[in-house]
Amino acid sequence: MPTACPKKQFFTLTPDDEVRLRTLAPLFDIDFFQMDEQTCVLRTSSGEPVLAVELPEALAYRRLLAEICSKAAKWLHFHLEMSCRDSLLGRSDASLSRVAELYARDRETSRTHGAKG
């Protein structure tokens, strides 16, 4: 039986959401900054190849959310009936700090194994 997919619902990010995302970005090896009034730069600082993109501000925070969610996916449950924004930002700061800690530990383990192999 196929999984029922919810109807697409577009969501907005509040200014508070944007602040939390900017706070989380460095914990997940993402540099995110405003280049000018209309453009943001998102750069991942781990992995190969390094990703660096300039985005209009209207899209930049959604992309930042997607990048953080993809890096946190090993440790967070993303429910089909809930937006990724709610799955991530609905968690407490302590929970998100723990996820970032697990991400960093996994990154270091991968680097260590990569250097040996």
PDB file of N, CA and C in Angstrom:
ATOM      1  N   MET A   1       0.849  -1.178   0.000  1.00  0.00           N
ATOM      2  CA  MET A   1       0.000   0.000   0.000  1.00  0.00           C
ATOM      3  C   MET A   1       0.893   1.240   0.000  1.00  0.00           C
ATOM      4  N   PRO A   2       0.709   2.137  -0.949  1.00  0.00           N
ATOM      5  CA  PRO A   2       1.567   3.327  -1.013  1.00  0.00           C
ATOM      6  C   PRO A   2       1.346   4.248   0.181  1.00  0.00           C
ATOM      7  N   THR A   3       2.392   4.949   0.517  1.00  0.00           N
ATOM      8  CA  THR A   3       2.317   5.915   1.602  1.00  0.00           C
ATOM      9  C   THR A   3       1.538   7.136   1.138  1.00  0.00           C
ATOM     10  N   ALA A   4       0.634   7.570   1.979  1.00  0.00           N
ATOM     11  CA  ALA A   4      -0.147   8.765   1.652  1.00  0.00           C
ATOM     12  C   ALA A   4       0.731   9.989   1.849  1.00  0.00           C
ATOM     13  N   CYS A   5       0.842  10.791   0.826  1.00  0.00           N
ATOM     14  CA  CYS A   5       1.627  12.023   0.915  1.00  0.00           C
ATOM     15  C   CYS A   5       0.677  13.183   1.168  1.00  0.00           C
ATOM     16  N   PRO A   6       1.020  14.015   2.115  1.00  0.00           N
ATOM     17  CA  PRO A   6       0.158  15.165   2.372  1.00  0.00           C
ATOM     18  C   PRO A   6       0.187  16.122   1.183  1.00  0.00           C
ATOM     19  N   LYS A   7      -0.867  16.911   1.053  1.00  0.00           N
ATOM     20  CA  LYS A   7      -0.877  17.937   0.015  1.00  0.00           C
ATOM     21  C   LYS A   7       0.246  18.916   0.302  1.00  0.00           C
ATOM     22  N   LYS A   8       0.854  19.384  -0.759  1.00  0.00           N
ATOM     23  CA  LYS A   8       1.952  20.329  -0.567  1.00  0.00           C
ATOM     24  C   LYS A   8       1.442  21.573   0.135  1.00  0.00           C
ATOM     25  N   GLN A   9       2.119  21.881   1.205  1.00  0.00           N
ATOM     26  CA  GLN A   9       1.793  23.093   1.936  1.00  0.00           C
ATOM     27  C   GLN A   9       3.057  23.939   1.978  1.00  0.00           C
ATOM     28  N   PHE A  10       2.945  25.147   1.519  1.00  0.00           N
ATOM     29  CA  PHE A  10       4.088  26.022   1.551  1.00  0.00           C
ATOM     30  C   PHE A  10       4.174  26.651   2.930  1.00  0.00           C
ATOM     31  N   PHE A  11       5.366  26.804   3.398  1.00  0.00           N
ATOM     32  CA  PHE A  11       5.556  27.371   4.717  1.00  0.00           C
ATOM     33  C   PHE A  11       6.455  28.584   4.609  1.00  0.00           C
ATOM     34  N   THR A  12       6.379  29.395   5.614  1.00  0.00           N
ATOM     35  CA  THR A  12       7.250  30.563   5.671  1.00  0.00           C
ATOM     36  C   THR A  12       8.175  30.406   6.864  1.00  0.00           C
ATOM     37  N   LEU A  13       9.280  31.070   6.789  1.00  0.00           N
ATOM     38  CA  LEU A  13      10.203  31.103   7.904  1.00  0.00           C
ATOM     39  C   LEU A  13      10.087  32.459   8.571  1.00  0.00           C
ATOM     40  N   THR A  14       9.894  32.441   9.863  1.00  0.00           N
ATOM     41  CA  THR A  14       9.783  33.681  10.613  1.00  0.00           C
ATOM     42  C   THR A  14      11.177  34.265  10.843  1.00  0.00           C
ATOM     43  N   PRO A  15      11.259  35.520  11.222  1.00  0.00           N
ATOM     44  CA  PRO A  15      12.571  36.087  11.571  1.00  0.00           C
ATOM     45  C   PRO A  15      13.265  35.289  12.686  1.00  0.00           C
ATOM     46  N   ASP A  16      12.489  34.762  13.642  1.00  0.00           N
ATOM     47  CA  ASP A  16      13.074  33.927  14.697  1.00  0.00           C
ATOM     48  C   ASP A  16      13.645  32.634  14.118  1.00  0.00           C
ATOM     49  N   ASP A  17      12.936  32.039  13.153  1.00  0.00           N
ATOM     50  CA  ASP A  17      13.434  30.830  12.484  1.00  0.00           C
ATOM     51  C   ASP A  17      14.759  31.128  11.787  1.00  0.00           C
ATOM     52  N   GLU A  18      14.829  32.264  11.123  1.00  0.00           N
ATOM     53  CA  GLU A  18      16.039  32.645  10.403  1.00  0.00           C
ATOM     54  C   GLU A  18      17.216  32.828  11.355  1.00  0.00           C
ATOM     55  N   VAL A  19      16.958  33.415  12.519  1.00  0.00           N
ATOM     56  CA  VAL A  19      18.017  33.586  13.520  1.00  0.00           C
ATOM     57  C   VAL A  19      18.496  32.219  14.004  1.00  0.00           C
ATOM     58  N   ARG A  20      17.568  31.310  14.287  1.00  0.00           N
ATOM     59  CA  ARG A  20      17.961  29.965  14.735  1.00  0.00           C
ATOM     60  C   ARG A  20      18.767  29.247  13.659  1.00  0.00           C
ATOM     61  N   LEU A  21      18.366  29.374  12.413  1.00  0.00           N
ATOM     62  CA  LEU A  21      19.095  28.723  11.326  1.00  0.00           C
ATOM     63  C   LEU A  21      20.513  29.287  11.204  1.00  0.00           C
ATOM     64  N   ARG A  22      20.653  30.605  11.316  1.00  0.00           N
ATOM     65  CA  ARG A  22      21.987  31.214  11.264  1.00  0.00           C
ATOM     66  C   ARG A  22      22.841  30.740  12.440  1.00  0.00           C
ATOM     67  N   THR A  23      22.226  30.537  13.591  1.00  0.00           N
ATOM     68  CA  THR A  23      22.944  30.048  14.775  1.00  0.00           C
ATOM     69  C   THR A  23      23.373  28.597  14.581  1.00  0.00           C
ATOM     70  N   LEU A  24      22.523  27.794  13.969  1.00  0.00           N
ATOM     71  CA  LEU A  24      22.828  26.380  13.753  1.00  0.00           C
ATOM     72  C   LEU A  24      23.851  26.154  12.638  1.00  0.00           C
ATOM     73  N   ALA A  25      23.887  27.026  11.655  1.00  0.00           N
ATOM     74  CA  ALA A  25      24.720  26.818  10.466  1.00  0.00           C
ATOM     75  C   ALA A  25      26.167  26.430  10.785  1.00  0.00           C
ATOM     76  N   PRO A  26      26.888  27.183  11.619  1.00  0.00           N
ATOM     77  CA  PRO A  26      28.289  26.814  11.858  1.00  0.00           C
ATOM     78  C   PRO A  26      28.448  25.459  12.555  1.00  0.00           C
ATOM     79  N   LEU A  27      27.447  25.045  13.312  1.00  0.00           N
ATOM     80  CA  LEU A  27      27.514  23.749  13.990  1.00  0.00           C
ATOM     81  C   LEU A  27      27.466  22.591  13.004  1.00  0.00           C
ATOM     82  N   PHE A  28      26.967  22.874  11.800  1.00  0.00           N
ATOM     83  CA  PHE A  28      26.871  21.862  10.752  1.00  0.00           C
ATOM     84  C   PHE A  28      27.808  22.192   9.580  1.00  0.00           C
ATOM     85  N   ASP A  29      28.881  22.907   9.863  1.00  0.00           N
ATOM     86  CA  ASP A  29      29.911  23.244   8.865  1.00  0.00           C
ATOM     87  C   ASP A  29      29.369  24.027   7.683  1.00  0.00           C
ATOM     88  N   ILE A  30      28.510  24.980   7.963  1.00  0.00           N
ATOM     89  CA  ILE A  30      27.936  25.826   6.921  1.00  0.00           C
ATOM     90  C   ILE A  30      28.238  27.283   7.254  1.00  0.00           C
ATOM     91  N   ASP A  31      28.840  27.969   6.287  1.00  0.00           N
ATOM     92  CA  ASP A  31      29.042  29.415   6.415  1.00  0.00           C
ATOM     93  C   ASP A  31      27.872  30.073   5.692  1.00  0.00           C
ATOM     94  N   PHE A  32      27.223  30.994   6.366  1.00  0.00           N
ATOM     95  CA  PHE A  32      26.059  31.661   5.789  1.00  0.00           C
ATOM     96  C   PHE A  32      26.145  33.128   6.142  1.00  0.00           C
ATOM     97  N   PHE A  33      26.139  33.982   5.117  1.00  0.00           N
ATOM     98  CA  PHE A  33      26.202  35.413   5.403  1.00  0.00           C
ATOM     99  C   PHE A  33      25.518  36.206   4.309  1.00  0.00           C
ATOM    100  N   GLN A  34      25.156  37.414   4.679  1.00  0.00           N
ATOM    101  CA  GLN A  34      24.490  38.342   3.771  1.00  0.00           C
ATOM    102  C   GLN A  34      25.578  39.078   2.997  1.00  0.00           C
ATOM    103  N   MET A  35      25.548  38.947   1.668  1.00  0.00           N
ATOM    104  CA  MET A  35      26.536  39.605   0.819  1.00  0.00           C
ATOM    105  C   MET A  35      26.136  41.066   0.581  1.00  0.00           C
ATOM    106  N   ASP A  36      24.854  41.276   0.301  1.00  0.00           N
ATOM    107  CA  ASP A  36      24.305  42.619   0.157  1.00  0.00           C
ATOM    108  C   ASP A  36      22.834  42.542   0.560  1.00  0.00           C
ATOM    109  N   GLU A  37      22.089  43.594   0.322  1.00  0.00           N
ATOM    110  CA  GLU A  37      20.694  43.629   0.772  1.00  0.00           C
ATOM    111  C   GLU A  37      19.832  42.522   0.189  1.00  0.00           C
ATOM    112  N   GLN A  38      20.179  42.020  -0.994  1.00  0.00           N
ATOM    113  CA  GLN A  38      19.316  41.062  -1.682  1.00  0.00           C
ATOM    114  C   GLN A  38      19.942  39.689  -1.873  1.00  0.00           C
ATOM    115  N   THR A  39      21.207  39.512  -1.493  1.00  0.00           N
ATOM    116  CA  THR A  39      21.906  38.268  -1.791  1.00  0.00           C
ATOM    117  C   THR A  39      22.588  37.699  -0.551  1.00  0.00           C
ATOM    118  N   CYS A  40      22.444  36.390  -0.374  1.00  0.00           N
ATOM    119  CA  CYS A  40      23.134  35.685   0.695  1.00  0.00           C
ATOM    120  C   CYS A  40      24.081  34.661   0.074  1.00  0.00           C
ATOM    121  N   VAL A  41      25.109  34.315   0.816  1.00  0.00           N
ATOM    122  CA  VAL A  41      26.060  33.295   0.378  1.00  0.00           C
ATOM    123  C   VAL A  41      25.996  32.137   1.359  1.00  0.00           C
ATOM    124  N   LEU A  42      25.904  30.954   0.810  1.00  0.00           N
ATOM    125  CA  LEU A  42      25.891  29.725   1.600  1.00  0.00           C
ATOM    126  C   LEU A  42      27.068  28.887   1.114  1.00  0.00           C
ATOM    127  N   ARG A  43      27.911  28.480   2.065  1.00  0.00           N
ATOM    128  CA  ARG A  43      29.081  27.676   1.714  1.00  0.00           C
ATOM    129  C   ARG A  43      29.227  26.563   2.731  1.00  0.00           C
ATOM    130  N   THR A  44      29.312  25.339   2.246  1.00  0.00           N
ATOM    131  CA  THR A  44      29.570  24.221   3.148  1.00  0.00           C
ATOM    132  C   THR A  44      31.078  24.099   3.282  1.00  0.00           C
ATOM    133  N   SER A  45      31.529  23.870   4.488  1.00  0.00           N
ATOM    134  CA  SER A  45      32.970  23.825   4.712  1.00  0.00           C
ATOM    135  C   SER A  45      33.465  22.429   5.042  1.00  0.00           C
ATOM    136  N   SER A  46      32.644  21.422   4.784  1.00  0.00           N
ATOM    137  CA  SER A  46      33.109  20.046   4.949  1.00  0.00           C
ATOM    138  C   SER A  46      32.629  19.240   3.763  1.00  0.00           C
ATOM    139  N   GLY A  47      33.345  18.195   3.496  1.00  0.00           N
ATOM    140  CA  GLY A  47      32.958  17.335   2.385  1.00  0.00           C
ATOM    141  C   GLY A  47      33.578  17.796   1.086  1.00  0.00           C
ATOM    142  N   GLU A  48      33.523  16.936   0.128  1.00  0.00           N
ATOM    143  CA  GLU A  48      34.049  17.234  -1.199  1.00  0.00           C
ATOM    144  C   GLU A  48      32.961  16.996  -2.205  1.00  0.00           C
ATOM    145  N   PRO A  49      32.736  17.814  -3.137  1.00  0.00           N
ATOM    146  CA  PRO A  49      33.336  19.128  -3.284  1.00  0.00           C
ATOM    147  C   PRO A  49      32.669  20.132  -2.354  1.00  0.00           C
ATOM    148  N   VAL A  50      33.379  21.184  -2.044  1.00  0.00           N
ATOM    149  CA  VAL A  50      32.833  22.259  -1.219  1.00  0.00           C
ATOM    150  C   VAL A  50      31.791  22.992  -2.048  1.00  0.00           C
ATOM    151  N   LEU A  51      30.651  23.242  -1.446  1.00  0.00           N
ATOM    152  CA  LEU A  51      29.551  23.916  -2.121  1.00  0.00           C
ATOM    153  C   LEU A  51      29.572  25.396  -1.744  1.00  0.00           C
ATOM    154  N   ALA A  52      29.476  26.258  -2.719  1.00  0.00           N
ATOM    155  CA  ALA A  52      29.377  27.697  -2.464  1.00  0.00           C
ATOM    156  C   ALA A  52      28.375  28.271  -3.458  1.00  0.00           C
ATOM    157  N   VAL A  53      27.296  28.841  -2.932  1.00  0.00           N
ATOM    158  CA  VAL A  53      26.270  29.399  -3.806  1.00  0.00           C
ATOM    159  C   VAL A  53      25.838  30.770  -3.305  1.00  0.00           C
ATOM    160  N   GLU A  54      25.537  31.639  -4.263  1.00  0.00           N
ATOM    161  CA  GLU A  54      24.927  32.931  -3.963  1.00  0.00           C
ATOM    162  C   GLU A  54      23.455  32.791  -4.278  1.00  0.00           C
ATOM    163  N   LEU A  55      22.616  33.185  -3.327  1.00  0.00           N
ATOM    164  CA  LEU A  55      21.173  33.015  -3.482  1.00  0.00           C
ATOM    165  C   LEU A  55      20.439  34.299  -3.150  1.00  0.00           C
ATOM    166  N   PRO A  56      19.307  34.521  -3.814  1.00  0.00           N
ATOM    167  CA  PRO A  56      18.478  35.650  -3.396  1.00  0.00           C
ATOM    168  C   PRO A  56      17.994  35.394  -1.969  1.00  0.00           C
ATOM    169  N   GLU A  57      17.886  36.456  -1.203  1.00  0.00           N
ATOM    170  CA  GLU A  57      17.499  36.310   0.201  1.00  0.00           C
ATOM    171  C   GLU A  57      16.196  35.537   0.364  1.00  0.00           C
ATOM    172  N   ALA A  58      15.273  35.688  -0.575  1.00  0.00           N
ATOM    173  CA  ALA A  58      13.985  34.996  -0.490  1.00  0.00           C
ATOM    174  C   ALA A  58      14.142  33.474  -0.497  1.00  0.00           C
ATOM    175  N   LEU A  59      15.197  32.965  -1.118  1.00  0.00           N
ATOM    176  CA  LEU A  59      15.428  31.516  -1.180  1.00  0.00           C
ATOM    177  C   LEU A  59      16.516  31.036  -0.231  1.00  0.00           C
ATOM    178  N   ALA A  60      17.372  31.924   0.185  1.00  0.00           N
ATOM    179  CA  ALA A  60      18.571  31.541   0.928  1.00  0.00           C
ATOM    180  C   ALA A  60      18.264  30.803   2.230  1.00  0.00           C
ATOM    181  N   TYR A  61      17.284  31.270   2.974  1.00  0.00           N
ATOM    182  CA  TYR A  61      16.991  30.626   4.256  1.00  0.00           C
ATOM    183  C   TYR A  61      16.341  29.264   4.069  1.00  0.00           C
ATOM    184  N   ARG A  62      15.560  29.098   3.018  1.00  0.00           N
ATOM    185  CA  ARG A  62      14.996  27.774   2.713  1.00  0.00           C
ATOM    186  C   ARG A  62      16.115  26.803   2.349  1.00  0.00           C
ATOM    187  N   ARG A  63      17.091  27.266   1.580  1.00  0.00           N
ATOM    188  CA  ARG A  63      18.226  26.420   1.216  1.00  0.00           C
ATOM    189  C   ARG A  63      19.046  26.085   2.450  1.00  0.00           C
ATOM    190  N   LEU A  64      19.240  27.069   3.332  1.00  0.00           N
ATOM    191  CA  LEU A  64      19.961  26.822   4.577  1.00  0.00           C
ATOM    192  C   LEU A  64      19.239  25.764   5.401  1.00  0.00           C
ATOM    193  N   LEU A  65      17.928  25.874   5.499  1.00  0.00           N
ATOM    194  CA  LEU A  65      17.132  24.865   6.204  1.00  0.00           C
ATOM    195  C   LEU A  65      17.353  23.490   5.587  1.00  0.00           C
ATOM    196  N   ALA A  66      17.313  23.395   4.273  1.00  0.00           N
ATOM    197  CA  ALA A  66      17.490  22.105   3.592  1.00  0.00           C
ATOM    198  C   ALA A  66      18.878  21.527   3.857  1.00  0.00           C
ATOM    199  N   GLU A  67      19.901  22.372   3.823  1.00  0.00           N
ATOM    200  CA  GLU A  67      21.266  21.898   4.067  1.00  0.00           C
ATOM    201  C   GLU A  67      21.414  21.376   5.496  1.00  0.00           C
ATOM    202  N   ILE A  68      20.888  22.105   6.462  1.00  0.00           N
ATOM    203  CA  ILE A  68      20.986  21.667   7.858  1.00  0.00           C
ATOM    204  C   ILE A  68      20.198  20.372   8.054  1.00  0.00           C
ATOM    205  N   CYS A  69      19.000  20.299   7.496  1.00  0.00           N
ATOM    206  CA  CYS A  69      18.196  19.081   7.622  1.00  0.00           C
ATOM    207  C   CYS A  69      18.913  17.879   7.017  1.00  0.00           C
ATOM    208  N   SER A  70      19.555  18.068   5.882  1.00  0.00           N
ATOM    209  CA  SER A  70      20.242  16.939   5.254  1.00  0.00           C
ATOM    210  C   SER A  70      21.400  16.452   6.107  1.00  0.00           C
ATOM    211  N   LYS A  71      22.070  17.357   6.794  1.00  0.00           N
ATOM    212  CA  LYS A  71      23.189  16.956   7.650  1.00  0.00           C
ATOM    213  C   LYS A  71      22.709  16.371   8.982  1.00  0.00           C
ATOM    214  N   ALA A  72      21.505  16.727   9.404  1.00  0.00           N
ATOM    215  CA  ALA A  72      20.971  16.237  10.674  1.00  0.00           C
ATOM    216  C   ALA A  72      20.108  14.983  10.506  1.00  0.00           C
ATOM    217  N   ALA A  73      19.899  14.566   9.276  1.00  0.00           N
ATOM    218  CA  ALA A  73      18.941  13.489   8.984  1.00  0.00           C
ATOM    219  C   ALA A  73      19.263  12.160   9.671  1.00  0.00           C
ATOM    220  N   LYS A  74      20.524  11.890   9.965  1.00  0.00           N
ATOM    221  CA  LYS A  74      20.872  10.636  10.647  1.00  0.00           C
ATOM    222  C   LYS A  74      20.300  10.577  12.059  1.00  0.00           C
ATOM    223  N   TRP A  75      20.060  11.728  12.656  1.00  0.00           N
ATOM    224  CA  TRP A  75      19.692  11.774  14.067  1.00  0.00           C
ATOM    225  C   TRP A  75      18.318  12.363  14.340  1.00  0.00           C
ATOM    226  N   LEU A  76      17.625  12.798  13.322  1.00  0.00           N
ATOM    227  CA  LEU A  76      16.291  13.365  13.490  1.00  0.00           C
ATOM    228  C   LEU A  76      15.275  12.570  12.696  1.00  0.00           C
ATOM    229  N   HIS A  77      14.097  12.443  13.250  1.00  0.00           N
ATOM    230  CA  HIS A  77      12.996  11.813  12.535  1.00  0.00           C
ATOM    231  C   HIS A  77      12.213  12.910  11.825  1.00  0.00           C
ATOM    232  N   PHE A  78      12.115  12.785  10.509  1.00  0.00           N
ATOM    233  CA  PHE A  78      11.329  13.725   9.718  1.00  0.00           C
ATOM    234  C   PHE A  78      10.045  13.011   9.322  1.00  0.00           C
ATOM    235  N   HIS A  79       8.953  13.411   9.928  1.00  0.00           N
ATOM    236  CA  HIS A  79       7.655  12.777   9.700  1.00  0.00           C
ATOM    237  C   HIS A  79       7.057  13.270   8.389  1.00  0.00           C
ATOM    238  N   LEU A  80       6.425  12.359   7.648  1.00  0.00           N
ATOM    239  CA  LEU A  80       5.834  12.718   6.358  1.00  0.00           C
ATOM    240  C   LEU A  80       4.751  13.784   6.464  1.00  0.00           C
ATOM    241  N   GLU A  81       4.072  13.834   7.576  1.00  0.00           N
ATOM    242  CA  GLU A  81       2.962  14.783   7.719  1.00  0.00           C
ATOM    243  C   GLU A  81       3.400  16.112   8.334  1.00  0.00           C
ATOM    244  N   MET A  82       4.701  16.285   8.477  1.00  0.00           N
ATOM    245  CA  MET A  82       5.202  17.499   9.109  1.00  0.00           C
ATOM    246  C   MET A  82       6.282  18.101   8.203  1.00  0.00           C
ATOM    247  N   SER A  83       6.317  19.398   8.109  1.00  0.00           N
ATOM    248  CA  SER A  83       7.349  20.036   7.287  1.00  0.00           C
ATOM    249  C   SER A  83       8.722  19.818   7.925  1.00  0.00           C
ATOM    250  N   CYS A  84       9.748  19.878   7.098  1.00  0.00           N
ATOM    251  CA  CYS A  84      11.100  19.736   7.644  1.00  0.00           C
ATOM    252  C   CYS A  84      11.396  20.896   8.596  1.00  0.00           C
ATOM    253  N   ARG A  85      10.822  22.058   8.321  1.00  0.00           N
ATOM    254  CA  ARG A  85      10.985  23.198   9.238  1.00  0.00           C
ATOM    255  C   ARG A  85      10.476  22.839  10.622  1.00  0.00           C
ATOM    256  N   ASP A  86       9.277  22.276  10.698  1.00  0.00           N
ATOM    257  CA  ASP A  86       8.709  21.924  11.998  1.00  0.00           C
ATOM    258  C   ASP A  86       9.466  20.780  12.655  1.00  0.00           C
ATOM    259  N   SER A  87       9.923  19.821  11.848  1.00  0.00           N
ATOM    260  CA  SER A  87      10.686  18.696  12.400  1.00  0.00           C
ATOM    261  C   SER A  87      11.996  19.166  13.013  1.00  0.00           C
ATOM    262  N   LEU A  88      12.637  20.128  12.378  1.00  0.00           N
ATOM    263  CA  LEU A  88      13.918  20.627  12.885  1.00  0.00           C
ATOM    264  C   LEU A  88      13.714  21.706  13.936  1.00  0.00           C
ATOM    265  N   LEU A  89      13.032  22.771  13.564  1.00  0.00           N
ATOM    266  CA  LEU A  89      12.928  23.930  14.448  1.00  0.00           C
ATOM    267  C   LEU A  89      11.913  23.748  15.570  1.00  0.00           C
ATOM    268  N   GLY A  90      11.123  22.683  15.512  1.00  0.00           N
ATOM    269  CA  GLY A  90      10.203  22.378  16.604  1.00  0.00           C
ATOM    270  C   GLY A  90      10.907  21.743  17.794  1.00  0.00           C
ATOM    271  N   ARG A  91      12.178  21.433  17.642  1.00  0.00           N
ATOM    272  CA  ARG A  91      12.963  20.820  18.712  1.00  0.00           C
ATOM    273  C   ARG A  91      13.568  21.906  19.603  1.00  0.00           C
ATOM    274  N   SER A  92      13.901  21.512  20.801  1.00  0.00           N
ATOM    275  CA  SER A  92      14.509  22.460  21.739  1.00  0.00           C
ATOM    276  C   SER A  92      15.946  22.761  21.324  1.00  0.00           C
ATOM    277  N   ASP A  93      16.475  23.851  21.832  1.00  0.00           N
ATOM    278  CA  ASP A  93      17.866  24.198  21.557  1.00  0.00           C
ATOM    279  C   ASP A  93      18.809  23.113  22.075  1.00  0.00           C
ATOM    280  N   ALA A  94      18.483  22.535  23.236  1.00  0.00           N
ATOM    281  CA  ALA A  94      19.318  21.467  23.794  1.00  0.00           C
ATOM    282  C   ALA A  94      19.326  20.248  22.873  1.00  0.00           C
ATOM    283  N   SER A  95      18.184  19.904  22.334  1.00  0.00           N
ATOM    284  CA  SER A  95      18.091  18.772  21.419  1.00  0.00           C
ATOM    285  C   SER A  95      18.888  19.035  20.148  1.00  0.00           C
ATOM    286  N   LEU A  96      18.776  20.236  19.602  1.00  0.00           N
ATOM    287  CA  LEU A  96      19.518  20.579  18.393  1.00  0.00           C
ATOM    288  C   LEU A  96      21.023  20.637  18.656  1.00  0.00           C
ATOM    289  N   SER A  97      21.418  21.068  19.841  1.00  0.00           N
ATOM    290  CA  SER A  97      22.837  21.067  20.201  1.00  0.00           C
ATOM    291  C   SER A  97      23.369  19.640  20.253  1.00  0.00           C
ATOM    292  N   ARG A  98      22.557  18.731  20.771  1.00  0.00           N
ATOM    293  CA  ARG A  98      22.954  17.319  20.827  1.00  0.00           C
ATOM    294  C   ARG A  98      23.088  16.743  19.417  1.00  0.00           C
ATOM    295  N   VAL A  99      22.163  17.061  18.535  1.00  0.00           N
ATOM    296  CA  VAL A  99      22.238  16.593  17.152  1.00  0.00           C
ATOM    297  C   VAL A  99      23.510  17.135  16.494  1.00  0.00           C
ATOM    298  N   ALA A 100      23.822  18.407  16.725  1.00  0.00           N
ATOM    299  CA  ALA A 100      25.041  19.001  16.164  1.00  0.00           C
ATOM    300  C   ALA A 100      26.286  18.314  16.719  1.00  0.00           C
ATOM    301  N   GLU A 101      26.242  17.956  17.992  1.00  0.00           N
ATOM    302  CA  GLU A 101      27.355  17.239  18.613  1.00  0.00           C
ATOM    303  C   GLU A 101      27.545  15.862  17.965  1.00  0.00           C
ATOM    304  N   LEU A 102      26.455  15.163  17.735  1.00  0.00           N
ATOM    305  CA  LEU A 102      26.519  13.857  17.077  1.00  0.00           C
ATOM    306  C   LEU A 102      27.019  13.989  15.640  1.00  0.00           C
ATOM    307  N   TYR A 103      26.582  15.032  14.955  1.00  0.00           N
ATOM    308  CA  TYR A 103      27.054  15.302  13.595  1.00  0.00           C
ATOM    309  C   TYR A 103      28.577  15.506  13.611  1.00  0.00           C
ATOM    310  N   ALA A 104      29.077  16.326  14.538  1.00  0.00           N
ATOM    311  CA  ALA A 104      30.514  16.616  14.616  1.00  0.00           C
ATOM    312  C   ALA A 104      31.303  15.352  14.931  1.00  0.00           C
ATOM    313  N   ARG A 105      30.784  14.540  15.824  1.00  0.00           N
ATOM    314  CA  ARG A 105      31.455  13.288  16.171  1.00  0.00           C
ATOM    315  C   ARG A 105      31.522  12.364  14.953  1.00  0.00           C
ATOM    316  N   ASP A 106      30.435  12.278  14.216  1.00  0.00           N
ATOM    317  CA  ASP A 106      30.387  11.450  13.013  1.00  0.00           C
ATOM    318  C   ASP A 106      31.345  11.987  11.948  1.00  0.00           C
ATOM    319  N   ARG A 107      31.400  13.300  11.790  1.00  0.00           N
ATOM    320  CA  ARG A 107      32.314  13.925  10.828  1.00  0.00           C
ATOM    321  C   ARG A 107      33.759  13.598  11.172  1.00  0.00           C
ATOM    322  N   GLU A 108      34.110  13.705  12.449  1.00  0.00           N
ATOM    323  CA  GLU A 108      35.486  13.412  12.869  1.00  0.00           C
ATOM    324  C   GLU A 108      35.820  11.936  12.675  1.00  0.00           C
ATOM    325  N   THR A 109      34.879  11.062  12.956  1.00  0.00           N
ATOM    326  CA  THR A 109      35.094   9.624  12.749  1.00  0.00           C
ATOM    327  C   THR A 109      35.320   9.347  11.266  1.00  0.00           C
ATOM    328  N   SER A 110      34.540   9.985  10.407  1.00  0.00           N
ATOM    329  CA  SER A 110      34.700   9.800   8.964  1.00  0.00           C
ATOM    330  C   SER A 110      36.068  10.295   8.491  1.00  0.00           C
ATOM    331  N   ARG A 111      36.514  11.411   9.029  1.00  0.00           N
ATOM    332  CA  ARG A 111      37.833  11.954   8.659  1.00  0.00           C
ATOM    333  C   ARG A 111      38.940  11.023   9.114  1.00  0.00           C
ATOM    334  N   THR A 112      38.804  10.493  10.325  1.00  0.00           N
ATOM    335  CA  THR A 112      39.811   9.597  10.863  1.00  0.00           C
ATOM    336  C   THR A 112      39.913   8.333  10.025  1.00  0.00           C
ATOM    337  N   HIS A 113      38.775   7.749   9.692  1.00  0.00           N
ATOM    338  CA  HIS A 113      38.772   6.538   8.867  1.00  0.00           C
ATOM    339  C   HIS A 113      39.258   6.837   7.455  1.00  0.00           C
ATOM    340  N   GLY A 114      38.928   8.007   6.944  1.00  0.00           N
ATOM    341  CA  GLY A 114      39.386   8.398   5.606  1.00  0.00           C
ATOM    342  C   GLY A 114      40.888   8.581   5.545  1.00  0.00           C
ATOM    343  N   ALA A 115      41.470   9.101   6.632  1.00  0.00           N
ATOM    344  CA  ALA A 115      42.911   9.330   6.662  1.00  0.00           C
ATOM    345  C   ALA A 115      43.666   8.005   6.763  1.00  0.00           C
ATOM    346  N   LYS A 116      43.080   7.013   7.437  1.00  0.00           N
ATOM    347  CA  LYS A 116      43.721   5.716   7.591  1.00  0.00           C
ATOM    348  C   LYS A 116      43.621   4.875   6.331  1.00  0.00           C
ATOM    349  N   GLY A 117      42.473   5.060   5.598  1.00  0.00           N
ATOM    350  CA  GLY A 117      42.240   4.217   4.427  1.00  0.00           C
ATOM    351  C   GLY A 117      42.754   4.868   3.234  1.00  0.00           C
TER     352      GLY A 117
END
